[in-house]
Structure formats: structure tokens, C-alpha cells
Amino acid sequence: MLRFGYYRSDGKEDWRLWGRLAEPWVDELRSVWRRIREHTPRAHRVVDLKEVTFIDQAGEQLLAEMQSTGADFIATAAEQKHLLAILNNRGVGAVRRGSEYLGGGRR
């Protein structure tokens, strides 16, 4: 299950994710992300990943899309920082392989 929250103020959008960034919830988040981005194209977006416990391939792709539109990510735990470093350094395809230990590797 994935839960996400959104808050906008003064040209900044804060997104917070909890749980599993995996199908079928990725499609819903992507739809909301794109719709809001269309209405606020110049907003600075910050995505908080501190409570994400698992990322599948679809979630990995969505993070790459978010990053390509200029989103910044927040991660405090070593696991999430590691995921972001992999995405920044090696791109799509590497995150999921590097994060299989999150959530015990369960789907």
C-alpha cells in the first residue's frame, strides 16, 4: 500500500510518500503528479521518501521521471540515501536492484 500527501505554498510543493512505491499505486501517484505539474509548472517540488519501504521497477521509473522534471528528494535513512545515490549515479535500472533489501525484499 502507498499513501501520499501533497502541500503547496509560495511556489513550493511538498510531497510525502509512505509505504510501498509499487504497482498499482504508482500509476495513481503518476497521474496526480502530472496533473498538478500541468497547473503549477514552475513550482519547486520536494519529495520526501523517508517513509518509503519498498520500490519496484514502476516506482523506480516514476522516481526517475520526477527527478527529470527537477524534483528534489529528501531521505534521512541510509537506505533511502543509498537509493538516491544509485539513481543519481547510474540511472534507471539500478535503483530496484540496489534496494531489494528494503521491506525484506517482499513484493
PDB file of N, CA and C in Angstrom:
ATOM      1  N   MET A   1       0.840  -1.171   0.000  1.00  0.00           N
ATOM      2  CA  MET A   1       0.000   0.000   0.000  1.00  0.00           C
ATOM      3  C   MET A   1       0.889   1.239   0.000  1.00  0.00           C
ATOM      4  N   LEU A   2       0.473   2.239  -0.736  1.00  0.00           N
ATOM      5  CA  LEU A   2       1.170   3.525  -0.793  1.00  0.00           C
ATOM      6  C   LEU A   2       0.200   4.613  -0.370  1.00  0.00           C
ATOM      7  N   ARG A   3       0.695   5.507   0.430  1.00  0.00           N
ATOM      8  CA  ARG A   3      -0.063   6.696   0.808  1.00  0.00           C
ATOM      9  C   ARG A   3       0.814   7.886   0.454  1.00  0.00           C
ATOM     10  N   PHE A   4       0.201   8.939  -0.043  1.00  0.00           N
ATOM     11  CA  PHE A   4       0.988  10.134  -0.332  1.00  0.00           C
ATOM     12  C   PHE A   4       0.203  11.373   0.041  1.00  0.00           C
ATOM     13  N   GLY A   5       0.956  12.396   0.415  1.00  0.00           N
ATOM     14  CA  GLY A   5       0.373  13.673   0.768  1.00  0.00           C
ATOM     15  C   GLY A   5       1.017  14.778  -0.039  1.00  0.00           C
ATOM     16  N   TYR A   6       0.291  15.870  -0.189  1.00  0.00           N
ATOM     17  CA  TYR A   6       0.739  16.983  -1.014  1.00  0.00           C
ATOM     18  C   TYR A   6       0.376  18.292  -0.319  1.00  0.00           C
ATOM     19  N   TYR A   7       1.329  19.219  -0.314  1.00  0.00           N
ATOM     20  CA  TYR A   7       1.087  20.536   0.264  1.00  0.00           C
ATOM     21  C   TYR A   7       1.803  21.574  -0.594  1.00  0.00           C
ATOM     22  N   ARG A   8       1.111  22.663  -0.921  1.00  0.00           N
ATOM     23  CA  ARG A   8       1.708  23.705  -1.770  1.00  0.00           C
ATOM     24  C   ARG A   8       1.634  25.049  -1.066  1.00  0.00           C
ATOM     25  N   SER A   9       2.758  25.784  -1.111  1.00  0.00           N
ATOM     26  CA  SER A   9       2.776  27.154  -0.598  1.00  0.00           C
ATOM     27  C   SER A   9       3.931  27.916  -1.223  1.00  0.00           C
ATOM     28  N   ASP A  10       3.673  29.156  -1.581  1.00  0.00           N
ATOM     29  CA  ASP A  10       4.704  30.077  -2.074  1.00  0.00           C
ATOM     30  C   ASP A  10       5.625  29.471  -3.132  1.00  0.00           C
ATOM     31  N   GLY A  11       5.052  28.845  -4.146  1.00  0.00           N
ATOM     32  CA  GLY A  11       5.851  28.318  -5.243  1.00  0.00           C
ATOM     33  C   GLY A  11       6.598  27.037  -4.935  1.00  0.00           C
ATOM     34  N   LYS A  12       6.296  26.415  -3.824  1.00  0.00           N
ATOM     35  CA  LYS A  12       6.952  25.162  -3.439  1.00  0.00           C
ATOM     36  C   LYS A  12       5.890  24.097  -3.213  1.00  0.00           C
ATOM     37  N   GLU A  13       6.171  22.904  -3.694  1.00  0.00           N
ATOM     38  CA  GLU A  13       5.291  21.763  -3.470  1.00  0.00           C
ATOM     39  C   GLU A  13       6.033  20.727  -2.642  1.00  0.00           C
ATOM     40  N   ASP A  14       5.411  20.308  -1.571  1.00  0.00           N
ATOM     41  CA  ASP A  14       5.966  19.248  -0.733  1.00  0.00           C
ATOM     42  C   ASP A  14       5.129  18.000  -0.931  1.00  0.00           C
ATOM     43  N   TRP A  15       5.796  16.922  -1.304  1.00  0.00           N
ATOM     44  CA  TRP A  15       5.170  15.619  -1.482  1.00  0.00           C
ATOM     45  C   TRP A  15       5.759  14.694  -0.425  1.00  0.00           C
ATOM     46  N   ARG A  16       4.906  13.908   0.201  1.00  0.00           N
ATOM     47  CA  ARG A  16       5.399  12.946   1.185  1.00  0.00           C
ATOM     48  C   ARG A  16       4.802  11.581   0.870  1.00  0.00           C
ATOM     49  N   LEU A  17       5.674  10.574   0.823  1.00  0.00           N
ATOM     50  CA  LEU A  17       5.249   9.216   0.484  1.00  0.00           C
ATOM     51  C   LEU A  17       5.459   8.297   1.673  1.00  0.00           C
ATOM     52  N   TRP A  18       4.503   7.371   1.862  1.00  0.00           N
ATOM     53  CA  TRP A  18       4.597   6.368   2.912  1.00  0.00           C
ATOM     54  C   TRP A  18       4.306   5.002   2.296  1.00  0.00           C
ATOM     55  N   GLY A  19       5.102   4.003   2.640  1.00  0.00           N
ATOM     56  CA  GLY A  19       4.788   2.635   2.234  1.00  0.00           C
ATOM     57  C   GLY A  19       5.529   2.177   1.002  1.00  0.00           C
ATOM     58  N   ARG A  20       4.816   1.412   0.192  1.00  0.00           N
ATOM     59  CA  ARG A  20       5.409   0.731  -0.964  1.00  0.00           C
ATOM     60  C   ARG A  20       5.180   1.524  -2.248  1.00  0.00           C
ATOM     61  N   LEU A  21       6.247   1.969  -2.845  1.00  0.00           N
ATOM     62  CA  LEU A  21       6.171   2.667  -4.129  1.00  0.00           C
ATOM     63  C   LEU A  21       6.203   1.585  -5.207  1.00  0.00           C
ATOM     64  N   ALA A  22       5.021   1.006  -5.449  1.00  0.00           N
ATOM     65  CA  ALA A  22       4.913  -0.170  -6.317  1.00  0.00           C
ATOM     66  C   ALA A  22       3.552  -0.154  -7.020  1.00  0.00           C
ATOM     67  N   GLU A  23       3.471  -0.930  -8.110  1.00  0.00           N
ATOM     68  CA  GLU A  23       2.193  -1.096  -8.794  1.00  0.00           C
ATOM     69  C   GLU A  23       1.201  -1.702  -7.825  1.00  0.00           C
ATOM     70  N   PRO A  24      -0.037  -1.351  -7.900  1.00  0.00           N
ATOM     71  CA  PRO A  24      -0.712  -0.474  -8.849  1.00  0.00           C
ATOM     72  C   PRO A  24      -0.751   0.992  -8.406  1.00  0.00           C
ATOM     73  N   TRP A  25      -0.184   1.301  -7.243  1.00  0.00           N
ATOM     74  CA  TRP A  25      -0.284   2.655  -6.687  1.00  0.00           C
ATOM     75  C   TRP A  25       0.585   3.662  -7.420  1.00  0.00           C
ATOM     76  N   VAL A  26       1.615   3.196  -8.094  1.00  0.00           N
ATOM     77  CA  VAL A  26       2.499   4.098  -8.843  1.00  0.00           C
ATOM     78  C   VAL A  26       1.711   4.842  -9.914  1.00  0.00           C
ATOM     79  N   ASP A  27       0.804   4.147 -10.591  1.00  0.00           N
ATOM     80  CA  ASP A  27       0.026   4.784 -11.657  1.00  0.00           C
ATOM     81  C   ASP A  27      -0.824   5.933 -11.118  1.00  0.00           C
ATOM     82  N   GLU A  28      -1.410   5.736  -9.954  1.00  0.00           N
ATOM     83  CA  GLU A  28      -2.225   6.795  -9.349  1.00  0.00           C
ATOM     84  C   GLU A  28      -1.366   8.000  -8.976  1.00  0.00           C
ATOM     85  N   LEU A  29      -0.217   7.747  -8.353  1.00  0.00           N
ATOM     86  CA  LEU A  29       0.690   8.839  -7.994  1.00  0.00           C
ATOM     87  C   LEU A  29       1.180   9.564  -9.235  1.00  0.00           C
ATOM     88  N   ARG A  30       1.529   8.832 -10.272  1.00  0.00           N
ATOM     89  CA  ARG A  30       1.994   9.453 -11.524  1.00  0.00           C
ATOM     90  C   ARG A  30       0.905  10.355 -12.107  1.00  0.00           C
ATOM     91  N   SER A  31      -0.320   9.897 -12.095  1.00  0.00           N
ATOM     92  CA  SER A  31      -1.430  10.681 -12.638  1.00  0.00           C
ATOM     93  C   SER A  31      -1.597  11.990 -11.868  1.00  0.00           C
ATOM     94  N   VAL A  32      -1.589  11.911 -10.552  1.00  0.00           N
ATOM     95  CA  VAL A  32      -1.725  13.114  -9.728  1.00  0.00           C
ATOM     96  C   VAL A  32      -0.527  14.035  -9.938  1.00  0.00           C
ATOM     97  N   TRP A  33       0.685  13.470  -9.948  1.00  0.00           N
ATOM     98  CA  TRP A  33       1.915  14.242 -10.159  1.00  0.00           C
ATOM     99  C   TRP A  33       1.830  15.035 -11.463  1.00  0.00           C
ATOM    100  N   ARG A  34       1.440  14.381 -12.544  1.00  0.00           N
ATOM    101  CA  ARG A  34       1.376  15.048 -13.848  1.00  0.00           C
ATOM    102  C   ARG A  34       0.295  16.127 -13.887  1.00  0.00           C
ATOM    103  N   ARG A  35      -0.861  15.827 -13.305  1.00  0.00           N
ATOM    104  CA  ARG A  35      -1.949  16.801 -13.290  1.00  0.00           C
ATOM    105  C   ARG A  35      -1.552  18.068 -12.545  1.00  0.00           C
ATOM    106  N   ILE A  36      -0.961  17.900 -11.385  1.00  0.00           N
ATOM    107  CA  ILE A  36      -0.554  19.063 -10.594  1.00  0.00           C
ATOM    108  C   ILE A  36       0.572  19.816 -11.285  1.00  0.00           C
ATOM    109  N   ARG A  37       1.501  19.081 -11.879  1.00  0.00           N
ATOM    110  CA  ARG A  37       2.617  19.722 -12.583  1.00  0.00           C
ATOM    111  C   ARG A  37       2.120  20.587 -13.733  1.00  0.00           C
ATOM    112  N   GLU A  38       1.056  20.158 -14.413  1.00  0.00           N
ATOM    113  CA  GLU A  38       0.482  20.951 -15.501  1.00  0.00           C
ATOM    114  C   GLU A  38      -0.052  22.293 -14.998  1.00  0.00           C
ATOM    115  N   HIS A  39      -0.601  22.294 -13.789  1.00  0.00           N
ATOM    116  CA  HIS A  39      -1.188  23.517 -13.230  1.00  0.00           C
ATOM    117  C   HIS A  39      -0.166  24.416 -12.549  1.00  0.00           C
ATOM    118  N   THR A  40       0.954  23.844 -12.135  1.00  0.00           N
ATOM    119  CA  THR A  40       2.000  24.625 -11.450  1.00  0.00           C
ATOM    120  C   THR A  40       3.365  24.265 -12.040  1.00  0.00           C
ATOM    121  N   PRO A  41       3.577  24.594 -13.310  1.00  0.00           N
ATOM    122  CA  PRO A  41       4.807  24.146 -13.976  1.00  0.00           C
ATOM    123  C   PRO A  41       6.100  24.707 -13.395  1.00  0.00           C
ATOM    124  N   ARG A  42       6.048  25.840 -12.728  1.00  0.00           N
ATOM    125  CA  ARG A  42       7.278  26.464 -12.227  1.00  0.00           C
ATOM    126  C   ARG A  42       7.546  26.191 -10.759  1.00  0.00           C
ATOM    127  N   ALA A  43       6.698  25.445 -10.121  1.00  0.00           N
ATOM    128  CA  ALA A  43       6.868  25.184  -8.688  1.00  0.00           C
ATOM    129  C   ALA A  43       8.114  24.339  -8.425  1.00  0.00           C
ATOM    130  N   HIS A  44       8.740  24.593  -7.307  1.00  0.00           N
ATOM    131  CA  HIS A  44       9.860  23.767  -6.847  1.00  0.00           C
ATOM    132  C   HIS A  44       9.263  22.577  -6.096  1.00  0.00           C
ATOM    133  N   ARG A  45       9.582  21.370  -6.526  1.00  0.00           N
ATOM    134  CA  ARG A  45       8.994  20.164  -5.943  1.00  0.00           C
ATOM    135  C   ARG A  45      10.003  19.434  -5.072  1.00  0.00           C
ATOM    136  N   VAL A  46       9.555  19.070  -3.884  1.00  0.00           N
ATOM    137  CA  VAL A  46      10.376  18.315  -2.946  1.00  0.00           C
ATOM    138  C   VAL A  46       9.598  17.062  -2.565  1.00  0.00           C
ATOM    139  N   VAL A  47      10.219  15.902  -2.744  1.00  0.00           N
ATOM    140  CA  VAL A  47       9.569  14.619  -2.472  1.00  0.00           C
ATOM    141  C   VAL A  47      10.269  13.967  -1.289  1.00  0.00           C
ATOM    142  N   ASP A  48       9.521  13.719  -0.238  1.00  0.00           N
ATOM    143  CA  ASP A  48      10.039  13.107   0.986  1.00  0.00           C
ATOM    144  C   ASP A  48       9.854  11.593   0.894  1.00  0.00           C
ATOM    145  N   LEU A  49      10.972  10.887   0.862  1.00  0.00           N
ATOM    146  CA  LEU A  49      10.966   9.429   0.727  1.00  0.00           C
ATOM    147  C   LEU A  49      11.286   8.707   2.034  1.00  0.00           C
ATOM    148  N   LYS A  50      11.328   9.435   3.132  1.00  0.00           N
ATOM    149  CA  LYS A  50      11.785   8.853   4.398  1.00  0.00           C
ATOM    150  C   LYS A  50      10.967   7.645   4.834  1.00  0.00           C
ATOM    151  N   GLU A  51       9.704   7.602   4.476  1.00  0.00           N
ATOM    152  CA  GLU A  51       8.840   6.509   4.933  1.00  0.00           C
ATOM    153  C   GLU A  51       8.552   5.467   3.849  1.00  0.00           C
ATOM    154  N   VAL A  52       9.283   5.519   2.737  1.00  0.00           N
ATOM    155  CA  VAL A  52       9.116   4.520   1.685  1.00  0.00           C
ATOM    156  C   VAL A  52       9.847   3.245   2.105  1.00  0.00           C
ATOM    157  N   THR A  53       9.148   2.105   2.020  1.00  0.00           N
ATOM    158  CA  THR A  53       9.717   0.839   2.485  1.00  0.00           C
ATOM    159  C   THR A  53      10.103  -0.106   1.361  1.00  0.00           C
ATOM    160  N   PHE A  54       9.598   0.141   0.148  1.00  0.00           N
ATOM    161  CA  PHE A  54       9.884  -0.742  -0.984  1.00  0.00           C
ATOM    162  C   PHE A  54       9.672   0.023  -2.273  1.00  0.00           C
ATOM    163  N   ILE A  55      10.497  -0.249  -3.269  1.00  0.00           N
ATOM    164  CA  ILE A  55      10.343   0.375  -4.584  1.00  0.00           C
ATOM    165  C   ILE A  55      10.461  -0.715  -5.632  1.00  0.00           C
ATOM    166  N   ASP A  56       9.421  -0.873  -6.473  1.00  0.00           N
ATOM    167  CA  ASP A  56       9.521  -1.831  -7.566  1.00  0.00           C
ATOM    168  C   ASP A  56       9.982  -1.104  -8.832  1.00  0.00           C
ATOM    169  N   GLN A  57      10.006  -1.804  -9.935  1.00  0.00           N
ATOM    170  CA  GLN A  57      10.504  -1.213 -11.182  1.00  0.00           C
ATOM    171  C   GLN A  57       9.659  -0.022 -11.629  1.00  0.00           C
ATOM    172  N   ALA A  58       8.348  -0.107 -11.466  1.00  0.00           N
ATOM    173  CA  ALA A  58       7.480   1.017 -11.837  1.00  0.00           C
ATOM    174  C   ALA A  58       7.756   2.223 -10.943  1.00  0.00           C
ATOM    175  N   GLY A  59       7.977   1.990  -9.658  1.00  0.00           N
ATOM    176  CA  GLY A  59       8.310   3.071  -8.738  1.00  0.00           C
ATOM    177  C   GLY A  59       9.639   3.706  -9.077  1.00  0.00           C
ATOM    178  N   GLU A  60      10.575   2.870  -9.448  1.00  0.00           N
ATOM    179  CA  GLU A  60      11.896   3.342  -9.874  1.00  0.00           C
ATOM    180  C   GLU A  60      11.771   4.274 -11.074  1.00  0.00           C
ATOM    181  N   GLN A  61      10.950   3.874 -12.031  1.00  0.00           N
ATOM    182  CA  GLN A  61      10.743   4.688 -13.228  1.00  0.00           C
ATOM    183  C   GLN A  61      10.093   6.026 -12.870  1.00  0.00           C
ATOM    184  N   LEU A  62       9.131   5.993 -11.962  1.00  0.00           N
ATOM    185  CA  LEU A  62       8.473   7.233 -11.549  1.00  0.00           C
ATOM    186  C   LEU A  62       9.457   8.169 -10.861  1.00  0.00           C
ATOM    187  N   LEU A  63      10.318   7.645 -10.003  1.00  0.00           N
ATOM    188  CA  LEU A  63      11.329   8.498  -9.364  1.00  0.00           C
ATOM    189  C   LEU A  63      12.228   9.149 -10.410  1.00  0.00           C
ATOM    190  N   ALA A  64      12.595   8.391 -11.427  1.00  0.00           N
ATOM    191  CA  ALA A  64      13.424   8.947 -12.498  1.00  0.00           C
ATOM    192  C   ALA A  64      12.681  10.059 -13.235  1.00  0.00           C
ATOM    193  N   GLU A  65      11.379   9.865 -13.476  1.00  0.00           N
ATOM    194  CA  GLU A  65      10.574  10.909 -14.127  1.00  0.00           C
ATOM    195  C   GLU A  65      10.505  12.159 -13.255  1.00  0.00           C
ATOM    196  N   MET A  66      10.279  11.951 -11.974  1.00  0.00           N
ATOM    197  CA  MET A  66      10.217  13.086 -11.056  1.00  0.00           C
ATOM    198  C   MET A  66      11.532  13.845 -11.048  1.00  0.00           C
ATOM    199  N   GLN A  67      12.617  13.101 -11.003  1.00  0.00           N
ATOM    200  CA  GLN A  67      13.942  13.719 -10.992  1.00  0.00           C
ATOM    201  C   GLN A  67      14.182  14.490 -12.293  1.00  0.00           C
ATOM    202  N   SER A  68      13.752  13.941 -13.411  1.00  0.00           N
ATOM    203  CA  SER A  68      13.983  14.598 -14.701  1.00  0.00           C
ATOM    204  C   SER A  68      13.214  15.911 -14.830  1.00  0.00           C
ATOM    205  N   THR A  69      12.145  16.091 -14.030  1.00  0.00           N
ATOM    206  CA  THR A  69      11.396  17.346 -14.055  1.00  0.00           C
ATOM    207  C   THR A  69      11.887  18.322 -12.995  1.00  0.00           C
ATOM    208  N   GLY A  70      12.991  17.980 -12.338  1.00  0.00           N
ATOM    209  CA  GLY A  70      13.603  18.895 -11.390  1.00  0.00           C
ATOM    210  C   GLY A  70      13.258  18.676  -9.933  1.00  0.00           C
ATOM    211  N   ALA A  71      12.592  17.589  -9.617  1.00  0.00           N
ATOM    212  CA  ALA A  71      12.229  17.327  -8.217  1.00  0.00           C
ATOM    213  C   ALA A  71      13.474  17.063  -7.381  1.00  0.00           C
ATOM    214  N   ASP A  72      13.429  17.543  -6.148  1.00  0.00           N
ATOM    215  CA  ASP A  72      14.454  17.222  -5.154  1.00  0.00           C
ATOM    216  C   ASP A  72      13.868  16.178  -4.222  1.00  0.00           C
ATOM    217  N   PHE A  73      14.740  15.330  -3.682  1.00  0.00           N
ATOM    218  CA  PHE A  73      14.298  14.263  -2.798  1.00  0.00           C
ATOM    219  C   PHE A  73      14.870  14.457  -1.407  1.00  0.00           C
ATOM    220  N   ILE A  74      14.088  14.059  -0.404  1.00  0.00           N
ATOM    221  CA  ILE A  74      14.539  14.069   0.981  1.00  0.00           C
ATOM    222  C   ILE A  74      14.619  12.627   1.451  1.00  0.00           C
ATOM    223  N   ALA A  75      15.743  12.280   2.026  1.00  0.00           N
ATOM    224  CA  ALA A  75      15.928  10.955   2.599  1.00  0.00           C
ATOM    225  C   ALA A  75      16.864  11.100   3.785  1.00  0.00           C
ATOM    226  N   THR A  76      16.493  10.529   4.904  1.00  0.00           N
ATOM    227  CA  THR A  76      17.361  10.613   6.075  1.00  0.00           C
ATOM    228  C   THR A  76      17.970   9.274   6.427  1.00  0.00           C
ATOM    229  N   ALA A  77      17.263   8.193   6.153  1.00  0.00           N
ATOM    230  CA  ALA A  77      17.797   6.864   6.461  1.00  0.00           C
ATOM    231  C   ALA A  77      18.854   6.480   5.437  1.00  0.00           C
ATOM    232  N   ALA A  78      19.785   5.697   5.862  1.00  0.00           N
ATOM    233  CA  ALA A  78      20.874   5.272   4.979  1.00  0.00           C
ATOM    234  C   ALA A  78      20.346   4.555   3.743  1.00  0.00           C
ATOM    235  N   GLU A  79      19.287   3.759   3.907  1.00  0.00           N
ATOM    236  CA  GLU A  79      18.750   3.005   2.774  1.00  0.00           C
ATOM    237  C   GLU A  79      18.208   3.931   1.685  1.00  0.00           C
ATOM    238  N   GLN A  80      17.452   4.949   2.083  1.00  0.00           N
ATOM    239  CA  GLN A  80      16.901   5.856   1.092  1.00  0.00           C
ATOM    240  C   GLN A  80      17.995   6.707   0.443  1.00  0.00           C
ATOM    241  N   LYS A  81      18.966   7.141   1.221  1.00  0.00           N
ATOM    242  CA  LYS A  81      20.088   7.899   0.645  1.00  0.00           C
ATOM    243  C   LYS A  81      20.832   7.051  -0.373  1.00  0.00           C
ATOM    244  N   HIS A  82      20.986   5.783  -0.064  1.00  0.00           N
ATOM    245  CA  HIS A  82      21.654   4.872  -0.992  1.00  0.00           C
ATOM    246  C   HIS A  82      20.866   4.765  -2.300  1.00  0.00           C
ATOM    247  N   LEU A  83      19.543   4.664  -2.207  1.00  0.00           N
ATOM    248  CA  LEU A  83      18.707   4.589  -3.402  1.00  0.00           C
ATOM    249  C   LEU A  83      18.877   5.826  -4.275  1.00  0.00           C
ATOM    250  N   LEU A  84      18.881   6.982  -3.651  1.00  0.00           N
ATOM    251  CA  LEU A  84      19.032   8.222  -4.413  1.00  0.00           C
ATOM    252  C   LEU A  84      20.408   8.329  -5.043  1.00  0.00           C
ATOM    253  N   ALA A  85      21.424   7.888  -4.333  1.00  0.00           N
ATOM    254  CA  ALA A  85      22.775   7.916  -4.896  1.00  0.00           C
ATOM    255  C   ALA A  85      22.863   7.020  -6.122  1.00  0.00           C
ATOM    256  N   ILE A  86      22.232   5.861  -6.057  1.00  0.00           N
ATOM    257  CA  ILE A  86      22.233   4.960  -7.211  1.00  0.00           C
ATOM    258  C   ILE A  86      21.514   5.606  -8.382  1.00  0.00           C
ATOM    259  N   LEU A  87      20.357   6.207  -8.122  1.00  0.00           N
ATOM    260  CA  LEU A  87      19.605   6.860  -9.190  1.00  0.00           C
ATOM    261  C   LEU A  87      20.417   7.997  -9.804  1.00  0.00           C
ATOM    262  N   ASN A  88      21.062   8.797  -8.981  1.00  0.00           N
ATOM    263  CA  ASN A  88      21.861   9.919  -9.476  1.00  0.00           C
ATOM    264  C   ASN A  88      23.077   9.457 -10.267  1.00  0.00           C
ATOM    265  N   ASN A  89      23.700   8.391  -9.824  1.00  0.00           N
ATOM    266  CA  ASN A  89      24.958   7.971 -10.446  1.00  0.00           C
ATOM    267  C   ASN A  89      24.802   6.983 -11.587  1.00  0.00           C
ATOM    268  N   ARG A  90      23.803   6.127 -11.527  1.00  0.00           N
ATOM    269  CA  ARG A  90      23.693   5.075 -12.520  1.00  0.00           C
ATOM    270  C   ARG A  90      22.404   5.085 -13.299  1.00  0.00           C
ATOM    271  N   GLY A  91      21.434   5.853 -12.857  1.00  0.00           N
ATOM    272  CA  GLY A  91      20.192   5.975 -13.599  1.00  0.00           C
ATOM    273  C   GLY A  91      19.208   4.855 -13.363  1.00  0.00           C
ATOM    274  N   VAL A  92      18.173   4.863 -14.171  1.00  0.00           N
ATOM    275  CA  VAL A  92      17.089   3.895 -14.064  1.00  0.00           C
ATOM    276  C   VAL A  92      17.625   2.488 -14.298  1.00  0.00           C
ATOM    277  N   GLY A  93      17.084   1.542 -13.566  1.00  0.00           N
ATOM    278  CA  GLY A  93      17.510   0.158 -13.701  1.00  0.00           C
ATOM    279  C   GLY A  93      18.364  -0.270 -12.542  1.00  0.00           C
ATOM    280  N   ALA A  94      19.025   0.691 -11.921  1.00  0.00           N
ATOM    281  CA  ALA A  94      19.922   0.353 -10.815  1.00  0.00           C
ATOM    282  C   ALA A  94      19.249   0.457  -9.459  1.00  0.00           C
ATOM    283  N   VAL A  95      18.237   1.294  -9.338  1.00  0.00           N
ATOM    284  CA  VAL A  95      17.633   1.531  -8.023  1.00  0.00           C
ATOM    285  C   VAL A  95      17.016   0.266  -7.464  1.00  0.00           C
ATOM    286  N   ARG A  96      16.155  -0.391  -8.236  1.00  0.00           N
ATOM    287  CA  ARG A  96      15.463  -1.566  -7.723  1.00  0.00           C
ATOM    288  C   ARG A  96      16.446  -2.650  -7.340  1.00  0.00           C
ATOM    289  N   ARG A  97      17.445  -2.873  -8.166  1.00  0.00           N
ATOM    290  CA  ARG A  97      18.442  -3.894  -7.846  1.00  0.00           C
ATOM    291  C   ARG A  97      19.195  -3.546  -6.579  1.00  0.00           C
ATOM    292  N   GLY A  98      19.407  -2.275  -6.340  1.00  0.00           N
ATOM    293  CA  GLY A  98      20.130  -1.851  -5.149  1.00  0.00           C
ATOM    294  C   GLY A  98      19.264  -1.783  -3.908  1.00  0.00           C
ATOM    295  N   SER A  99      17.943  -1.937  -4.064  1.00  0.00           N
ATOM    296  CA  SER A  99      17.053  -1.750  -2.917  1.00  0.00           C
ATOM    297  C   SER A  99      16.248  -2.987  -2.578  1.00  0.00           C
ATOM    298  N   GLU A 100      16.609  -4.122  -3.065  1.00  0.00           N
ATOM    299  CA  GLU A 100      15.809  -5.327  -2.827  1.00  0.00           C
ATOM    300  C   GLU A 100      15.714  -5.677  -1.361  1.00  0.00           C
ATOM    301  N   TYR A 101      16.641  -5.205  -0.551  1.00  0.00           N
ATOM    302  CA  TYR A 101      16.599  -5.485   0.878  1.00  0.00           C
ATOM    303  C   TYR A 101      15.532  -4.679   1.597  1.00  0.00           C
ATOM    304  N   LEU A 102      15.062  -3.595   1.012  1.00  0.00           N
ATOM    305  CA  LEU A 102      14.034  -2.790   1.679  1.00  0.00           C
ATOM    306  C   LEU A 102      12.761  -3.600   1.812  1.00  0.00           C
ATOM    307  N   GLY A 103      12.167  -3.583   2.952  1.00  0.00           N
ATOM    308  CA  GLY A 103      10.947  -4.341   3.181  1.00  0.00           C
ATOM    309  C   GLY A 103      11.185  -5.826   3.106  1.00  0.00           C
ATOM    310  N   GLY A 104      12.410  -6.253   3.338  1.00  0.00           N
ATOM    311  CA  GLY A 104      12.720  -7.673   3.309  1.00  0.00           C
ATOM    312  C   GLY A 104      12.693  -8.250   1.915  1.00  0.00           C
ATOM    313  N   GLY A 105      12.688  -7.389   0.892  1.00  0.00           N
ATOM    314  CA  GLY A 105      12.662  -7.873  -0.495  1.00  0.00           C
ATOM    315  C   GLY A 105      11.299  -8.426  -0.889  1.00  0.00           C
ATOM    316  N   ARG A 106      10.281  -8.227  -0.043  1.00  0.00           N
ATOM    317  CA  ARG A 106       8.936  -8.743  -0.341  1.00  0.00           C
ATOM    318  C   ARG A 106       8.259  -7.863  -1.359  1.00  0.00           C
ATOM    319  N   ARG A 107       7.340  -8.408  -2.068  1.00  0.00           N
ATOM    320  CA  ARG A 107       6.517  -7.664  -3.025  1.00  0.00           C
ATOM    321  C   ARG A 107       5.200  -7.342  -2.442  1.00  0.00           C
TER     322      ARG A 107
END
